[in-house]
Protein backbone atom coordinates (compact mmCIF):
# COMPACT_ATOMS: atom_id res chain seq x y z
CA UNK A 1 9.48 0.03 -4.59
CA UNK A 2 6.66 2.13 -5.94
CA UNK A 3 5.65 3.64 -8.22
CA UNK A 4 2.19 5.56 -8.95
CA UNK A 5 0.63 6.57 -12.38
CA UNK A 6 -3.10 7.23 -13.92
CA UNK A 7 -1.93 9.11 -16.46
CA UNK A 8 -4.34 8.58 -19.20
CA UNK A 9 -2.14 7.45 -21.64
CA UNK A 10 -1.63 5.05 -19.64
CA UNK A 11 -2.11 1.19 -21.17
CA UNK A 12 -23.78 -0.07 -4.19
CA UNK A 13 -25.43 2.35 -4.83
CA UNK A 14 -28.90 2.50 -6.32
CA UNK A 15 -30.12 2.41 -10.20
CA UNK A 16 -32.13 4.84 -9.34
CA UNK A 17 -29.60 7.38 -7.69
CA UNK A 18 -26.97 6.48 -10.73
CA UNK A 19 -29.80 6.88 -13.63
CA UNK A 20 -30.61 10.70 -11.55
CA UNK A 21 -27.11 11.38 -12.44
CA UNK A 22 -26.74 10.93 -15.95
CA UNK A 23 -29.69 12.30 -16.29
CA UNK A 24 -28.28 15.57 -14.67
CA UNK A 25 -24.59 15.15 -16.09
CA UNK A 26 -26.09 15.66 -19.52
CA UNK A 27 -28.46 19.00 -18.65
CA UNK A 28 -26.24 20.44 -17.21
CA UNK A 29 -22.56 20.06 -18.06
CA UNK A 30 -21.56 21.60 -21.32
CA UNK A 31 -18.32 18.70 -22.08
CA UNK A 32 -18.55 15.49 -24.20
CA UNK A 33 -19.39 12.94 -21.92
CA UNK A 34 -20.50 9.67 -22.29
CA UNK A 35 -22.66 7.69 -19.93
CA UNK A 36 -20.38 5.89 -16.92
CA UNK A 37 -18.79 2.87 -17.23
CA UNK A 38 -20.78 0.26 -14.71
CA UNK A 39 -19.34 -2.52 -17.01
CA UNK A 40 -17.78 -5.06 -16.15
CA UNK A 41 -14.91 -6.85 -18.83
CA UNK A 42 -14.15 -10.04 -17.18
CA UNK A 43 -15.76 -11.96 -13.76
CA UNK A 44 -14.03 -13.49 -11.75
CA UNK A 45 -13.56 -16.34 -13.49
CA UNK A 46 -11.26 -14.44 -16.23
CA UNK A 47 -8.46 -13.88 -13.48
CA UNK A 48 -5.32 -15.24 -12.89
CA UNK A 49 -5.00 -15.84 -9.07
CA UNK A 50 -4.29 -12.91 -6.95
CA UNK A 51 -6.30 -11.12 -9.54
CA UNK A 52 -4.67 -8.59 -12.05
CA UNK A 53 -2.32 -6.48 -9.61
CA UNK A 54 -0.21 -8.73 -6.60
CA UNK A 55 -0.15 -6.12 -4.16
CA UNK A 56 -3.01 -6.74 -3.68
CA UNK A 57 -4.06 -9.77 -2.38
CA UNK A 58 -6.59 -9.92 0.96
CA UNK A 59 -7.12 -6.20 1.07
CA UNK A 60 -10.92 -5.75 1.43
CA UNK A 61 -10.82 -3.55 -0.96
CA UNK A 62 -9.85 -5.52 -3.72
CA UNK A 63 -13.20 -6.48 -4.63
CA UNK A 64 -13.72 -3.03 -5.74
CA UNK A 65 -10.24 -2.64 -7.70
CA UNK A 66 -10.85 -5.72 -9.59
CA UNK A 67 -13.89 -4.05 -10.30
CA UNK A 68 -12.97 -0.50 -11.73
CA UNK A 69 -10.10 -2.36 -13.59
CA UNK A 70 -12.35 -3.90 -15.28
CA UNK A 71 -14.52 -0.90 -15.63
CA UNK A 72 -11.25 0.61 -17.99
CA UNK A 73 -11.29 2.85 -14.98
CA UNK A 74 -7.65 1.81 -13.00
CA UNK A 75 -4.51 0.25 -15.22
CA UNK A 76 -2.42 0.36 -12.46
CA UNK A 77 0.23 1.83 -11.23
CA UNK A 78 3.93 1.22 -12.08
CA UNK A 79 4.00 1.57 -16.00
CA UNK A 80 4.91 -0.21 -17.84
CA UNK A 81 3.87 -3.57 -16.69
CA UNK A 82 1.08 -2.02 -14.13
CA UNK A 83 1.37 -5.77 -12.03
CA UNK A 84 0.64 -3.39 -9.33
CA UNK A 85 -2.04 -1.01 -8.04
CA UNK A 86 -0.79 0.33 -4.62
CA UNK A 87 -3.49 -0.12 -1.95
CA UNK A 88 -1.98 2.08 0.01
CA UNK A 89 -0.78 4.81 -1.09
CA UNK A 90 -3.16 8.02 -1.12
CA UNK A 91 -4.54 9.31 -3.47
CA UNK A 92 -3.53 12.78 -5.35
CA UNK A 93 -6.18 15.85 -6.90
CA UNK A 94 -4.55 14.91 -9.79
CA UNK A 95 -5.02 10.70 -9.72
CA UNK A 96 -8.18 11.71 -8.55
CA UNK A 97 -9.44 13.99 -12.25
CA UNK A 98 -7.96 11.11 -14.14
CA UNK A 99 -9.85 7.88 -12.17
CA UNK A 100 -13.45 11.03 -12.57
CA UNK A 101 -12.38 11.50 -16.26
CA UNK A 102 -12.26 8.05 -16.85
CA UNK A 103 -15.48 7.13 -14.85
CA UNK A 104 -17.71 9.06 -16.28
CA UNK A 105 -15.87 9.26 -19.68
CA UNK A 106 -15.63 12.79 -20.17
CA UNK A 107 -14.19 14.23 -23.31
CA UNK A 108 -11.94 16.71 -23.96
CA UNK A 109 -11.80 20.45 -22.42
CA UNK A 110 -11.03 23.35 -24.43
CA UNK A 111 -10.36 25.19 -21.29
CA UNK A 112 -7.25 25.01 -19.27
CA UNK A 113 -8.08 27.23 -16.52
CA UNK A 114 -5.80 26.17 -13.71
CA UNK A 115 -1.91 27.76 -13.70
CA UNK A 116 0.01 24.91 -11.78
CA UNK A 117 -1.39 21.96 -14.31
CA UNK A 118 0.96 22.14 -17.63
CA UNK A 119 2.19 19.50 -18.46
CA UNK A 120 0.90 17.46 -16.47
CA UNK A 121 -0.23 13.57 -17.51
CA UNK A 122 -3.24 14.58 -15.79
CA UNK A 123 -3.95 17.54 -17.68
CA UNK A 124 -6.56 16.51 -19.84
CA UNK A 125 -8.70 14.95 -17.09
CA UNK A 126 -7.59 17.76 -14.77
CA UNK A 127 -9.31 20.22 -17.34
CA UNK A 128 -12.77 17.94 -17.62
CA UNK A 129 -13.53 17.15 -14.60
CA UNK A 130 -13.12 21.43 -14.07
CA UNK A 131 -15.67 21.78 -17.04
CA UNK A 132 -17.53 18.86 -15.86
CA UNK A 133 -17.91 21.62 -12.42
CA UNK A 134 -16.79 18.55 -9.96
CA UNK A 135 -13.65 20.58 -9.34
CA UNK A 136 -12.80 24.90 -8.50
CA UNK A 137 -9.78 25.17 -7.37
CA UNK A 138 -7.87 24.37 -4.69
CA UNK A 139 -7.22 28.32 -3.49
CA UNK A 140 -10.30 30.24 -3.10
CA UNK A 141 -10.92 32.25 -3.35
CA UNK A 142 -8.87 32.81 -6.70
CA UNK A 143 -9.29 29.32 -7.34
CA UNK A 144 -6.58 29.36 -10.48
CA UNK A 145 -4.74 26.11 -9.33
CA UNK A 146 -5.62 22.61 -8.63
CA UNK A 147 -2.33 21.95 -6.26
CA UNK A 148 -2.16 18.62 -8.93
CA UNK A 149 0.91 16.54 -6.42
CA UNK A 150 -1.20 17.21 -3.46
CA UNK A 151 -2.58 14.51 -1.66
CA UNK A 152 -6.29 14.11 -1.51
CA UNK A 153 -8.65 14.24 2.16
CA UNK A 154 -11.89 12.45 2.79
CA UNK A 155 -13.16 15.70 3.17
CA UNK A 156 -12.23 17.68 -0.48
CA UNK A 157 -12.98 13.73 -2.45
CA UNK A 158 -16.54 13.68 -0.59
CA UNK A 159 -17.24 16.72 -2.21
CA UNK A 160 -16.02 15.88 -5.82
CA UNK A 161 -17.97 12.67 -6.00
CA UNK A 162 -21.19 14.82 -4.24
CA UNK A 163 -21.08 17.32 -7.98
CA UNK A 164 -19.76 14.14 -9.71
CA UNK A 165 -23.09 11.81 -8.64
CA UNK A 166 -25.07 15.08 -8.25
CA UNK A 167 -25.98 14.11 -5.03
CA UNK A 168 -27.67 17.36 -3.46
CA UNK A 169 -26.50 18.78 0.21
CA UNK A 170 -28.36 17.78 2.74
CA UNK A 171 -27.85 19.35 6.19
CA UNK A 172 -28.88 15.85 9.01
CA UNK A 173 -24.51 14.33 9.15
CA UNK A 174 -25.31 10.94 10.47
CA UNK A 175 -21.31 11.82 11.61
CA UNK A 176 -19.70 13.35 15.16
CA UNK A 177 -16.06 15.22 13.51
CA UNK A 178 -17.16 17.30 11.45
CA UNK A 179 -17.47 20.34 12.65
CA UNK A 180 -18.08 23.71 10.68
CA UNK A 181 -16.13 21.74 7.38
CA UNK A 182 -17.83 23.46 4.22
CA UNK A 183 -17.46 19.97 3.34
CA UNK A 184 -20.00 18.60 5.36
CA UNK A 185 -23.39 19.04 3.39
CA UNK A 186 -20.96 16.82 0.71
CA UNK A 187 -19.89 13.89 2.90
CA UNK A 188 -23.91 14.00 4.50
CA UNK A 189 -24.84 13.46 0.71
CA UNK A 190 -23.00 11.20 -0.32
CA UNK A 191 -23.58 9.15 3.64
CA UNK A 192 -27.64 8.76 2.50
CA UNK A 193 -26.02 8.45 -1.10
CA UNK A 194 -24.77 4.54 0.61
CA UNK A 195 -20.74 5.62 -0.85
CA UNK A 196 -19.57 6.26 2.73
CA UNK A 197 -20.19 4.38 6.27
CA UNK A 198 -17.69 6.25 8.06
CA UNK A 199 -14.29 5.53 9.02
CA UNK A 200 -13.82 4.11 12.49
CA UNK A 201 -16.15 0.70 12.29
CA UNK A 202 -17.74 -1.15 13.60
CA UNK A 203 -20.09 2.42 15.33
CA UNK A 204 -18.98 4.28 12.25
CA UNK A 205 -20.57 7.82 13.88
CA UNK A 206 -17.03 9.32 12.19
CA UNK A 207 -15.71 10.44 8.71
CA UNK A 208 -12.63 11.59 9.97
CA UNK A 209 -13.13 14.69 7.07
CA UNK A 210 -8.98 15.15 7.31
CA UNK A 211 -7.67 11.97 6.87
CA UNK A 212 -5.98 11.21 2.87
CA UNK A 213 -7.85 9.37 0.87
CA UNK A 214 -5.86 5.57 -0.31
CA UNK A 215 -6.39 3.91 -3.09
CA UNK A 216 -8.33 1.80 -1.77
CA UNK A 217 -10.36 3.48 -0.83
CA UNK A 218 -10.81 4.87 -3.02
CA UNK A 219 -11.77 2.20 -5.28
CA UNK A 220 -14.51 0.91 -3.04
CA UNK A 221 -15.59 4.60 -3.16
CA UNK A 222 -16.01 4.22 -7.26
CA UNK A 223 -17.25 0.67 -6.73
CA UNK A 224 -20.49 2.53 -4.82
CA UNK A 225 -21.28 5.12 -7.23
CA UNK A 226 -21.07 3.74 -10.88
CA UNK A 227 -22.60 0.32 -8.61
CA UNK A 228 -19.97 -2.15 -10.16
CA UNK A 229 -20.54 -5.47 -8.99
CA UNK A 230 -16.97 -6.22 -6.42
CA UNK A 231 -15.15 -9.38 -8.32
CA UNK A 232 -13.80 -11.12 -5.80
CA UNK A 233 -10.82 -13.46 -7.51
CA UNK A 234 -9.89 -16.20 -7.98
CA UNK A 235 -7.66 -17.20 -4.69
CA UNK A 236 -4.04 -17.03 -4.38
CA UNK A 237 -1.20 -18.84 -2.78
CA UNK A 238 -0.42 -15.49 -0.68
CA UNK A 239 0.12 -16.33 2.92
CA UNK A 240 2.35 -14.99 5.30
CA UNK A 241 5.98 -17.00 5.03
CA UNK A 242 7.70 -15.53 7.87
CA UNK A 243 7.88 -12.88 10.42
CA UNK A 244 10.54 -11.49 13.15
CA UNK A 245 9.71 -9.22 16.40
CA UNK A 246 12.51 -7.53 18.20
CA UNK A 247 12.58 -5.37 21.78
CA UNK A 248 12.79 -2.47 22.92
CA UNK A 249 12.37 -0.18 26.58
CA UNK A 250 9.49 2.16 25.22
CA UNK A 251 10.31 5.72 25.21
CA UNK A 252 13.64 6.62 23.75
CA UNK A 253 14.58 8.39 21.61
CA UNK A 254 15.68 5.54 19.14
CA UNK A 255 12.71 4.22 19.51
CA UNK A 256 10.84 7.37 16.41
CA UNK A 257 13.92 6.24 14.23
CA UNK A 258 12.97 2.73 14.53
CA UNK A 259 9.02 3.19 14.28
CA UNK A 260 10.47 5.31 11.16
CA UNK A 261 12.24 2.51 9.16
CA UNK A 262 9.25 0.48 9.96
CA UNK A 263 6.55 2.68 8.35
CA UNK A 264 9.53 3.64 5.02
CA UNK A 265 8.98 -0.93 4.65
CA UNK A 266 5.66 -1.53 5.47
CA UNK A 267 3.98 -2.49 2.23
CA UNK A 268 6.16 -2.36 -0.07
CA UNK A 269 6.54 -5.30 -2.82
CA UNK A 270 9.06 -7.16 -4.89
CA UNK A 271 8.46 -8.84 -8.14
CA UNK A 272 10.20 -11.89 -8.91
CA UNK A 273 13.68 -11.13 -9.13
CA UNK A 274 13.43 -7.96 -7.25
CA UNK A 275 16.63 -6.64 -4.70
CA UNK A 276 15.52 -4.68 -2.29
CA UNK A 277 18.64 -2.07 -0.68
CA UNK A 278 17.89 -0.44 2.94
CA UNK A 279 19.71 2.32 2.19
CA UNK A 280 17.95 2.89 -0.91
CA UNK A 281 14.23 2.51 0.83
CA UNK A 282 16.04 5.37 3.41
CA UNK A 283 17.08 7.77 1.10
CA UNK A 284 21.33 6.76 2.16
CA UNK A 285 20.07 8.63 5.59
CA UNK A 286 20.95 6.36 8.74
CA UNK A 287 19.82 7.49 12.20
CA UNK A 288 20.01 5.76 15.22
CA UNK A 289 17.36 3.19 15.65
CA UNK A 290 17.01 2.46 11.77
CA UNK A 291 19.77 -0.84 12.44
CA UNK A 292 16.84 -2.19 14.79
CA UNK A 293 14.35 -2.43 12.05
CA UNK A 294 16.86 -3.38 9.09
CA UNK A 295 17.86 -6.30 11.24
CA UNK A 296 14.30 -7.45 12.56
CA UNK A 297 13.96 -7.37 8.93
CA UNK A 298 17.17 -8.98 8.45
CA UNK A 299 15.53 -12.07 10.82
CA UNK A 300 12.25 -12.47 8.66
CA UNK A 301 14.17 -13.15 4.83
CA UNK A 302 16.56 -15.09 6.82
CA UNK A 303 13.92 -18.14 8.80
CA UNK A 304 12.51 -17.13 5.07
CA UNK A 305 15.89 -18.66 3.38
CA UNK A 306 15.50 -15.87 0.57
CA UNK A 307 18.41 -15.00 -1.15
CA UNK A 308 20.48 -12.35 0.84
CA UNK A 309 22.75 -10.23 -1.31
CA UNK A 310 24.17 -7.93 2.15
CA UNK A 311 24.38 -8.23 5.37
CA UNK A 312 27.01 -6.98 7.60
CA UNK A 313 26.84 -7.69 11.29
CA UNK A 314 27.52 -4.44 14.61
CA UNK A 315 30.74 -3.67 15.51
CA UNK A 316 29.45 -3.49 18.97
CA UNK A 317 27.48 -6.82 20.47
CA UNK A 318 24.70 -5.20 21.91
CA UNK A 319 22.07 -7.67 23.32
CA UNK A 320 18.63 -6.40 22.07
CA UNK A 321 20.00 -8.24 18.99
CA UNK A 322 20.13 -12.10 18.06
CA UNK A 323 23.90 -12.15 18.05
CA UNK A 324 25.34 -12.56 13.96
CA UNK A 325 22.46 -12.50 12.87
CA UNK A 326 21.78 -9.20 12.66
CA UNK A 327 21.91 -6.09 10.16
CA UNK A 328 24.15 -2.24 10.84
CA UNK A 329 23.92 -0.03 8.48
CA UNK A 330 26.13 2.61 7.82
CA UNK A 331 24.97 5.38 4.85
CA UNK A 332 27.88 4.62 1.92
CA UNK A 333 29.00 1.77 3.24
CA UNK A 334 27.10 -1.13 4.80
CA UNK A 335 23.72 -2.15 3.71
CA UNK A 336 21.41 -4.33 4.04
CA UNK A 337 20.53 -5.66 0.35
CA UNK A 338 17.92 -8.59 -0.58
CA UNK A 339 16.08 -10.44 -3.47
CA UNK A 340 12.60 -12.27 -4.21
CA UNK A 341 14.05 -15.08 -5.50
CA UNK A 342 10.87 -17.02 -5.35
CA UNK A 343 8.44 -17.02 -8.25
CA UNK A 344 5.77 -15.60 -6.88
CA UNK A 345 5.95 -11.30 -5.25
CA UNK A 346 6.56 -10.43 -1.78
CA UNK A 347 4.89 -7.99 0.67
CA UNK A 348 6.79 -7.05 3.27
CA UNK A 349 4.66 -5.55 6.01
CA UNK A 350 5.80 -3.84 9.47
CA UNK A 351 4.56 -2.98 12.52
CA UNK A 352 5.31 -1.71 16.43
CA UNK A 353 4.45 -1.13 19.90
CA UNK A 354 5.44 0.89 21.84
CA UNK A 355 7.95 -1.39 23.09
CA UNK A 356 8.68 -3.69 19.60
CA UNK A 357 9.14 -3.99 16.32
CA UNK A 358 8.28 -6.48 14.26
CA UNK A 359 7.89 -7.57 10.83
CA UNK A 360 6.18 -9.34 8.36
CA UNK A 361 6.78 -11.43 4.56
CA UNK A 362 4.46 -12.13 2.91
CA UNK A 363 3.77 -14.36 -0.48
CA UNK A 364 3.62 -18.09 -1.66
CA UNK A 365 6.66 -21.11 0.59
CA UNK A 366 4.34 -23.43 -0.22
CA UNK A 367 1.95 -22.32 2.38
CA UNK A 368 4.74 -22.66 5.27
CA UNK A 369 5.56 -20.09 8.17
CA UNK A 370 7.78 -18.72 10.20
CA UNK A 371 7.11 -16.58 13.37
CA UNK A 372 9.91 -15.35 15.52
CA UNK A 373 10.98 -12.91 18.68
CA UNK A 374 14.12 -12.19 19.97
CA UNK A 375 14.61 -10.71 23.40
CA UNK A 376 17.67 -11.16 25.66
CA UNK A 377 16.35 -13.47 28.14
CA UNK A 378 15.02 -15.92 26.14
CA UNK A 379 16.94 -15.37 22.77
CA UNK A 380 15.41 -15.90 19.32
CA UNK A 381 12.34 -18.32 20.06
CA UNK A 382 10.82 -19.97 16.89
CA UNK A 383 8.07 -21.09 16.56
CA UNK A 384 6.31 -23.13 12.63
CA UNK A 385 2.81 -22.33 12.25
CA UNK A 386 2.87 -24.04 9.45
CA UNK A 387 4.97 -27.46 8.31
CA UNK A 388 4.10 -26.13 4.67
CA UNK A 389 3.75 -28.70 1.43
CA UNK A 390 6.60 -30.52 -0.27
CA UNK A 391 7.92 -27.17 -2.38
CA UNK A 392 8.70 -24.57 1.25
CA UNK A 393 11.62 -23.55 2.04
CA UNK A 394 12.72 -25.29 5.72
CA UNK A 395 15.43 -23.30 6.76
CA UNK A 396 17.95 -24.71 9.43
CA UNK A 397 20.36 -22.03 11.25
CA UNK A 398 23.20 -23.45 13.65
CA UNK A 399 25.20 -20.46 15.54
CA UNK A 400 28.93 -21.86 17.44
CA UNK A 401 30.18 -19.20 19.37
CA UNK A 402 33.47 -19.11 21.73
CA UNK A 403 34.61 -15.96 23.07
CA UNK A 404 33.10 -13.09 21.21
CA UNK A 405 33.77 -14.47 17.66
CA UNK A 406 30.81 -16.70 15.96
CA UNK A 407 29.95 -18.86 13.13
CA UNK A 408 26.66 -18.93 11.81
CA UNK A 409 25.45 -21.60 8.99
CA UNK A 410 21.98 -21.16 7.73
CA UNK A 411 21.24 -24.52 5.30
CA UNK A 412 18.27 -24.68 3.11
CA UNK A 413 16.39 -27.58 2.61
CA UNK A 414 13.69 -27.50 -0.59
CA UNK A 415 12.75 -29.72 -3.42
CA UNK A 416 15.38 -28.95 -5.01
CA UNK A 417 17.48 -30.15 -1.78
CA UNK A 418 20.28 -28.76 0.21
CA UNK A 419 22.06 -25.84 0.06
CA UNK A 420 24.12 -24.21 2.99
CA UNK A 421 26.07 -20.67 3.23
CA UNK A 422 27.87 -19.21 6.96
CA UNK A 423 29.52 -16.64 7.75
CA UNK A 424 32.58 -15.63 10.99
CA UNK A 425 31.68 -12.90 12.96
CA UNK A 426 33.77 -11.52 15.70
CA UNK A 427 31.80 -8.61 17.92
CA UNK A 428 35.14 -5.88 18.96
CA UNK A 429 33.06 -6.31 22.67
């Protein structure tokens, strides 16, 4: 559901520090170089509610993402629509090259120093930052490779930024976790320049050098480095629509697979009309425990009033699932599918503990939010956090049982009236 692409063919630091960088850069580098783009072409008044991209709403980095978008440093991650930024996805070394090449207005470089970038859409940017001295390669001492598809770490990013912004290495460090890293001097320099404050607020005495850099974080680093003003778009109606939690005993082997699926669906954004298939998400590979997360997702979908396309309960009545309102998965056969049949983007967020998994759906249901929880002792408990406005979808569910047989009816009421759907299910045992 997420595409990442920052190719060239797809359509707060101090002014004194930035000026020092520009002067030094022009003197040292022999390739054609322009001044960094520090003037935004848009402000908040020019943006629609929620901003340029619909998958960064309420992100800590949204203002910075808008700033680098306005400056032409990014176009998006899902060409040709480019209405997503993929803020939580790791940045590859190739994407980093393109970010920096655009940010610094680097010209074309005639030399191709690396053997593993031929044919890459990012090759011109990689060649440009190599010519500018921003990168040396990824396989010292030979350094004839760039490793374009490898995700970049915070330490590697620090060295690229320090070279790009001509920040001298500094021995004194504010961080306790750098040890003997070859990037320590550069990490210290970008910290002194105000590009980073650390990775463990509010203490911020660590840098987490081996942690991967997300696209959202990179936007903030570049906004500070280019002295851009963050642009906060008009507020959007984006809010929690529904949330559902199921529970399990701690420390079972299957819990690993429960959590793996939770991580796989976390951050998926569905455009209006887009369909999610759990088998597609999982690559048609299903393990024990996967069904608990799919059941949790199904209930979030169910109580959000979204269009349920395909699902099937288990053949066995497991006590950890809501009876009949649950969804199994069988590779190549039984899927969970639903569509975002609203006119707004829909984001899946999931998290877990040692004994539970929760799936949240974020979008716009005219302010209405529902939170559900299931245990075998209490059954399904729903809490309507917000009633919402007149256009909200209100879901009423009724379950009738006779032995192992169940009839489930869901009625969805909104401004257009009420629609009901029912199905019958019988557990084998």
